[in-house]
PDB file of N, CA and C in Angstrom:
ATOM      1  N   UNK A   1       8.585  -6.678  16.433  1.00  0.00           N
ATOM      2  CA  UNK A   1       8.569  -8.071  16.035  1.00  0.00           C
ATOM      3  C   UNK A   1       9.975  -8.636  16.207  1.00  0.00           C
ATOM      4  N   UNK A   2      10.067  -9.797  16.767  1.00  0.00           N
ATOM      5  CA  UNK A   2      11.344 -10.456  16.992  1.00  0.00           C
ATOM      6  C   UNK A   2      11.716 -11.243  15.739  1.00  0.00           C
ATOM      7  N   UNK A   3      12.881 -10.940  15.151  1.00  0.00           N
ATOM      8  CA  UNK A   3      13.308 -11.620  13.929  1.00  0.00           C
ATOM      9  C   UNK A   3      14.189 -12.828  14.196  1.00  0.00           C
ATOM     10  N   UNK A   4      14.297 -13.235  15.454  1.00  0.00           N
ATOM     11  CA  UNK A   4      15.106 -14.406  15.789  1.00  0.00           C
ATOM     12  C   UNK A   4      14.434 -15.664  15.251  1.00  0.00           C
ATOM     13  N   UNK A   5      15.213 -16.532  14.600  1.00  0.00           N
ATOM     14  CA  UNK A   5      14.688 -17.793  14.091  1.00  0.00           C
ATOM     15  C   UNK A   5      14.845 -18.874  15.149  1.00  0.00           C
ATOM     16  N   UNK A   6      13.797 -19.676  15.328  1.00  0.00           N
ATOM     17  CA  UNK A   6      13.840 -20.840  16.207  1.00  0.00           C
ATOM     18  C   UNK A   6      13.589 -22.047  15.319  1.00  0.00           C
ATOM     19  N   UNK A   7      14.535 -22.955  15.281  1.00  0.00           N
ATOM     20  CA  UNK A   7      14.432 -24.120  14.404  1.00  0.00           C
ATOM     21  C   UNK A   7      13.976 -25.323  15.226  1.00  0.00           C
ATOM     22  N   UNK A   8      12.899 -25.962  14.783  1.00  0.00           N
ATOM     23  CA  UNK A   8      12.311 -27.104  15.473  1.00  0.00           C
ATOM     24  C   UNK A   8      12.294 -28.326  14.569  1.00  0.00           C
ATOM     25  N   UNK A   9      12.110 -29.481  15.160  1.00  0.00           N
ATOM     26  CA  UNK A   9      11.909 -30.726  14.421  1.00  0.00           C
ATOM     27  C   UNK A   9      13.015 -30.965  13.400  1.00  0.00           C
ATOM     28  N   UNK A  10      14.252 -30.945  13.874  1.00  0.00           N
ATOM     29  CA  UNK A  10      15.433 -31.201  13.029  1.00  0.00           C
ATOM     30  C   UNK A  10      15.495 -30.270  11.815  1.00  0.00           C
ATOM     31  N   UNK A  11      15.060 -29.023  11.983  1.00  0.00           N
ATOM     32  CA  UNK A  11      15.157 -28.042  10.914  1.00  0.00           C
ATOM     33  C   UNK A  11      13.995 -28.032   9.951  1.00  0.00           C
ATOM     34  N   UNK A  12      12.984 -28.849  10.180  1.00  0.00           N
ATOM     35  CA  UNK A  12      11.848 -28.900   9.258  1.00  0.00           C
ATOM     36  C   UNK A  12      10.838 -27.790   9.521  1.00  0.00           C
ATOM     37  N   UNK A  13      10.777 -27.271  10.745  1.00  0.00           N
ATOM     38  CA  UNK A  13       9.855 -26.194  11.084  1.00  0.00           C
ATOM     39  C   UNK A  13      10.677 -25.023  11.603  1.00  0.00           C
ATOM     40  N   UNK A  14      10.427 -23.838  11.054  1.00  0.00           N
ATOM     41  CA  UNK A  14      11.160 -22.643  11.466  1.00  0.00           C
ATOM     42  C   UNK A  14      10.160 -21.605  11.954  1.00  0.00           C
ATOM     43  N   UNK A  15      10.351 -21.136  13.178  1.00  0.00           N
ATOM     44  CA  UNK A  15       9.534 -20.062  13.734  1.00  0.00           C
ATOM     45  C   UNK A  15      10.350 -18.783  13.643  1.00  0.00           C
ATOM     46  N   UNK A  16       9.781 -17.774  13.019  1.00  0.00           N
ATOM     47  CA  UNK A  16      10.465 -16.489  12.893  1.00  0.00           C
ATOM     48  C   UNK A  16       9.441 -15.389  13.082  1.00  0.00           C
ATOM     49  N   UNK A  17       9.668 -14.553  14.080  1.00  0.00           N
ATOM     50  CA  UNK A  17       8.702 -13.501  14.383  1.00  0.00           C
ATOM     51  C   UNK A  17       7.374 -14.127  14.754  1.00  0.00           C
ATOM     52  N   UNK A  18       6.312 -13.713  14.083  1.00  0.00           N
ATOM     53  CA  UNK A  18       4.999 -14.287  14.361  1.00  0.00           C
ATOM     54  C   UNK A  18       4.570 -15.266  13.270  1.00  0.00           C
ATOM     55  N   UNK A  19       5.536 -15.866  12.572  1.00  0.00           N
ATOM     56  CA  UNK A  19       5.211 -16.837  11.521  1.00  0.00           C
ATOM     57  C   UNK A  19       5.812 -18.193  11.841  1.00  0.00           C
ATOM     58  N   UNK A  20       5.198 -19.222  11.305  1.00  0.00           N
ATOM     59  CA  UNK A  20       5.718 -20.583  11.375  1.00  0.00           C
ATOM     60  C   UNK A  20       5.838 -21.074   9.944  1.00  0.00           C
ATOM     61  N   UNK A  21       7.021 -21.537   9.577  1.00  0.00           N
ATOM     62  CA  UNK A  21       7.267 -21.995   8.201  1.00  0.00           C
ATOM     63  C   UNK A  21       7.536 -23.485   8.209  1.00  0.00           C
ATOM     64  N   UNK A  22       6.809 -24.189   7.358  1.00  0.00           N
ATOM     65  CA  UNK A  22       6.955 -25.632   7.247  1.00  0.00           C
ATOM     66  C   UNK A  22       7.219 -25.994   5.791  1.00  0.00           C
ATOM     67  N   UNK A  23       7.846 -27.144   5.563  1.00  0.00           N
ATOM     68  CA  UNK A  23       8.053 -27.564   4.172  1.00  0.00           C
ATOM     69  C   UNK A  23       6.725 -27.921   3.497  1.00  0.00           C
ATOM     70  N   UNK A  24       6.691 -27.778   2.193  1.00  0.00           N
ATOM     71  CA  UNK A  24       5.503 -28.158   1.420  1.00  0.00           C
ATOM     72  C   UNK A  24       5.362 -29.673   1.461  1.00  0.00           C
ATOM     73  N   UNK A  25       4.111 -30.138   1.622  1.00  0.00           N
ATOM     74  CA  UNK A  25       3.856 -31.578   1.593  1.00  0.00           C
ATOM     75  C   UNK A  25       2.602 -31.857   0.764  1.00  0.00           C
ATOM     76  N   UNK A  26       2.134 -33.087   0.777  1.00  0.00           N
ATOM     77  CA  UNK A  26       0.994 -33.477  -0.070  1.00  0.00           C
ATOM     78  C   UNK A  26      -0.302 -32.762   0.314  1.00  0.00           C
ATOM     79  N   UNK A  27      -0.392 -32.179   1.499  1.00  0.00           N
ATOM     80  CA  UNK A  27      -1.607 -31.481   1.928  1.00  0.00           C
ATOM     81  C   UNK A  27      -1.540 -29.975   1.713  1.00  0.00           C
ATOM     82  N   UNK A  28      -0.414 -29.452   1.296  1.00  0.00           N
ATOM     83  CA  UNK A  28      -0.228 -28.004   1.205  1.00  0.00           C
ATOM     84  C   UNK A  28      -1.221 -27.332   0.252  1.00  0.00           C
ATOM     85  N   UNK A  29      -1.471 -27.934  -0.895  1.00  0.00           N
ATOM     86  CA  UNK A  29      -2.420 -27.356  -1.851  1.00  0.00           C
ATOM     87  C   UNK A  29      -3.817 -27.254  -1.273  1.00  0.00           C
ATOM     88  N   UNK A  30      -4.254 -28.314  -0.578  1.00  0.00           N
ATOM     89  CA  UNK A  30      -5.579 -28.299   0.051  1.00  0.00           C
ATOM     90  C   UNK A  30      -5.667 -27.199   1.103  1.00  0.00           C
ATOM     91  N   UNK A  31      -4.636 -27.072   1.919  1.00  0.00           N
ATOM     92  CA  UNK A  31      -4.647 -26.063   2.979  1.00  0.00           C
ATOM     93  C   UNK A  31      -4.701 -24.660   2.378  1.00  0.00           C
ATOM     94  N   UNK A  32      -3.948 -24.406   1.318  1.00  0.00           N
ATOM     95  CA  UNK A  32      -3.988 -23.101   0.658  1.00  0.00           C
ATOM     96  C   UNK A  32      -5.380 -22.803   0.118  1.00  0.00           C
ATOM     97  N   UNK A  33      -5.998 -23.779  -0.535  1.00  0.00           N
ATOM     98  CA  UNK A  33      -7.355 -23.582  -1.070  1.00  0.00           C
ATOM     99  C   UNK A  33      -8.358 -23.333   0.054  1.00  0.00           C
ATOM    100  N   UNK A  34      -8.229 -24.064   1.144  1.00  0.00           N
ATOM    101  CA  UNK A  34      -9.136 -23.880   2.279  1.00  0.00           C
ATOM    102  C   UNK A  34      -8.987 -22.484   2.872  1.00  0.00           C
ATOM    103  N   UNK A  35      -7.759 -22.017   3.056  1.00  0.00           N
ATOM    104  CA  UNK A  35      -7.547 -20.674   3.594  1.00  0.00           C
ATOM    105  C   UNK A  35      -8.107 -19.600   2.663  1.00  0.00           C
ATOM    106  N   UNK A  36      -7.929 -19.778   1.360  1.00  0.00           N
ATOM    107  CA  UNK A  36      -8.500 -18.816   0.402  1.00  0.00           C
ATOM    108  C   UNK A  36     -10.019 -18.803   0.483  1.00  0.00           C
ATOM    109  N   UNK A  37     -10.634 -19.988   0.555  1.00  0.00           N
ATOM    110  CA  UNK A  37     -12.090 -20.074   0.654  1.00  0.00           C
ATOM    111  C   UNK A  37     -12.584 -19.380   1.925  1.00  0.00           C
ATOM    112  N   UNK A  38     -11.940 -19.668   3.052  1.00  0.00           N
ATOM    113  CA  UNK A  38     -12.362 -19.058   4.314  1.00  0.00           C
ATOM    114  C   UNK A  38     -12.231 -17.548   4.269  1.00  0.00           C
ATOM    115  N   UNK A  39     -11.220 -17.046   3.571  1.00  0.00           N
ATOM    116  CA  UNK A  39     -11.070 -15.601   3.414  1.00  0.00           C
ATOM    117  C   UNK A  39     -12.199 -15.029   2.550  1.00  0.00           C
ATOM    118  N   UNK A  40     -12.557 -15.735   1.473  1.00  0.00           N
ATOM    119  CA  UNK A  40     -13.632 -15.281   0.575  1.00  0.00           C
ATOM    120  C   UNK A  40     -14.959 -15.173   1.305  1.00  0.00           C
ATOM    121  N   UNK A  41     -15.258 -16.139   2.192  1.00  0.00           N
ATOM    122  CA  UNK A  41     -16.530 -16.119   2.911  1.00  0.00           C
ATOM    123  C   UNK A  41     -16.441 -15.308   4.208  1.00  0.00           C
ATOM    124  N   UNK A  42     -15.354 -14.531   4.340  1.00  0.00           N
ATOM    125  CA  UNK A  42     -15.148 -13.631   5.477  1.00  0.00           C
ATOM    126  C   UNK A  42     -15.123 -14.340   6.823  1.00  0.00           C
ATOM    127  N   UNK A  43     -14.534 -15.518   6.863  1.00  0.00           N
ATOM    128  CA  UNK A  43     -14.329 -16.210   8.127  1.00  0.00           C
ATOM    129  C   UNK A  43     -13.156 -15.523   8.820  1.00  0.00           C
ATOM    130  N   UNK A  44     -13.408 -14.819   9.913  1.00  0.00           N
ATOM    131  CA  UNK A  44     -12.433 -13.908  10.505  1.00  0.00           C
ATOM    132  C   UNK A  44     -11.381 -14.561  11.391  1.00  0.00           C
ATOM    133  N   UNK A  45     -11.457 -15.839  11.653  1.00  0.00           N
ATOM    134  CA  UNK A  45     -10.496 -16.452  12.568  1.00  0.00           C
ATOM    135  C   UNK A  45      -9.303 -17.085  11.869  1.00  0.00           C
ATOM    136  N   UNK A  46      -9.162 -16.882  10.557  1.00  0.00           N
ATOM    137  CA  UNK A  46      -8.004 -17.436   9.853  1.00  0.00           C
ATOM    138  C   UNK A  46      -6.815 -16.490   9.977  1.00  0.00           C
ATOM    139  N   UNK A  47      -5.625 -17.046   9.864  1.00  0.00           N
ATOM    140  CA  UNK A  47      -4.400 -16.274   9.938  1.00  0.00           C
ATOM    141  C   UNK A  47      -4.196 -15.536   8.623  1.00  0.00           C
ATOM    142  N   UNK A  48      -4.025 -14.247   8.685  1.00  0.00           N
ATOM    143  CA  UNK A  48      -3.858 -13.435   7.471  1.00  0.00           C
ATOM    144  C   UNK A  48      -2.397 -13.252   7.090  1.00  0.00           C
ATOM    145  N   UNK A  49      -1.469 -13.874   7.808  1.00  0.00           N
ATOM    146  CA  UNK A  49      -0.040 -13.647   7.558  1.00  0.00           C
ATOM    147  C   UNK A  49       0.576 -14.662   6.620  1.00  0.00           C
ATOM    148  N   UNK A  50      -0.215 -15.368   5.859  1.00  0.00           N
ATOM    149  CA  UNK A  50       0.357 -16.357   4.940  1.00  0.00           C
ATOM    150  C   UNK A  50       0.767 -15.681   3.638  1.00  0.00           C
ATOM    151  N   UNK A  51       1.708 -16.309   2.957  1.00  0.00           N
ATOM    152  CA  UNK A  51       2.150 -15.838   1.642  1.00  0.00           C
ATOM    153  C   UNK A  51       2.159 -17.019   0.696  1.00  0.00           C
ATOM    154  N   UNK A  52       1.720 -16.813  -0.538  1.00  0.00           N
ATOM    155  CA  UNK A  52       1.665 -17.921  -1.500  1.00  0.00           C
ATOM    156  C   UNK A  52       2.890 -17.904  -2.352  1.00  0.00           C
TER     157      UNK A  52
END
């Protein structure tokens, strides 16, 4: 895995290895709940590399 950081969009988005990190915004809670739901119903196409 490449640990080099690539900073995009004036530092608001950071790509590191196989992850993309973005700042929290008004939609972040909804997205977290949606990903949890999709995991519960065994929807296999979601990204499993998220951290809460």
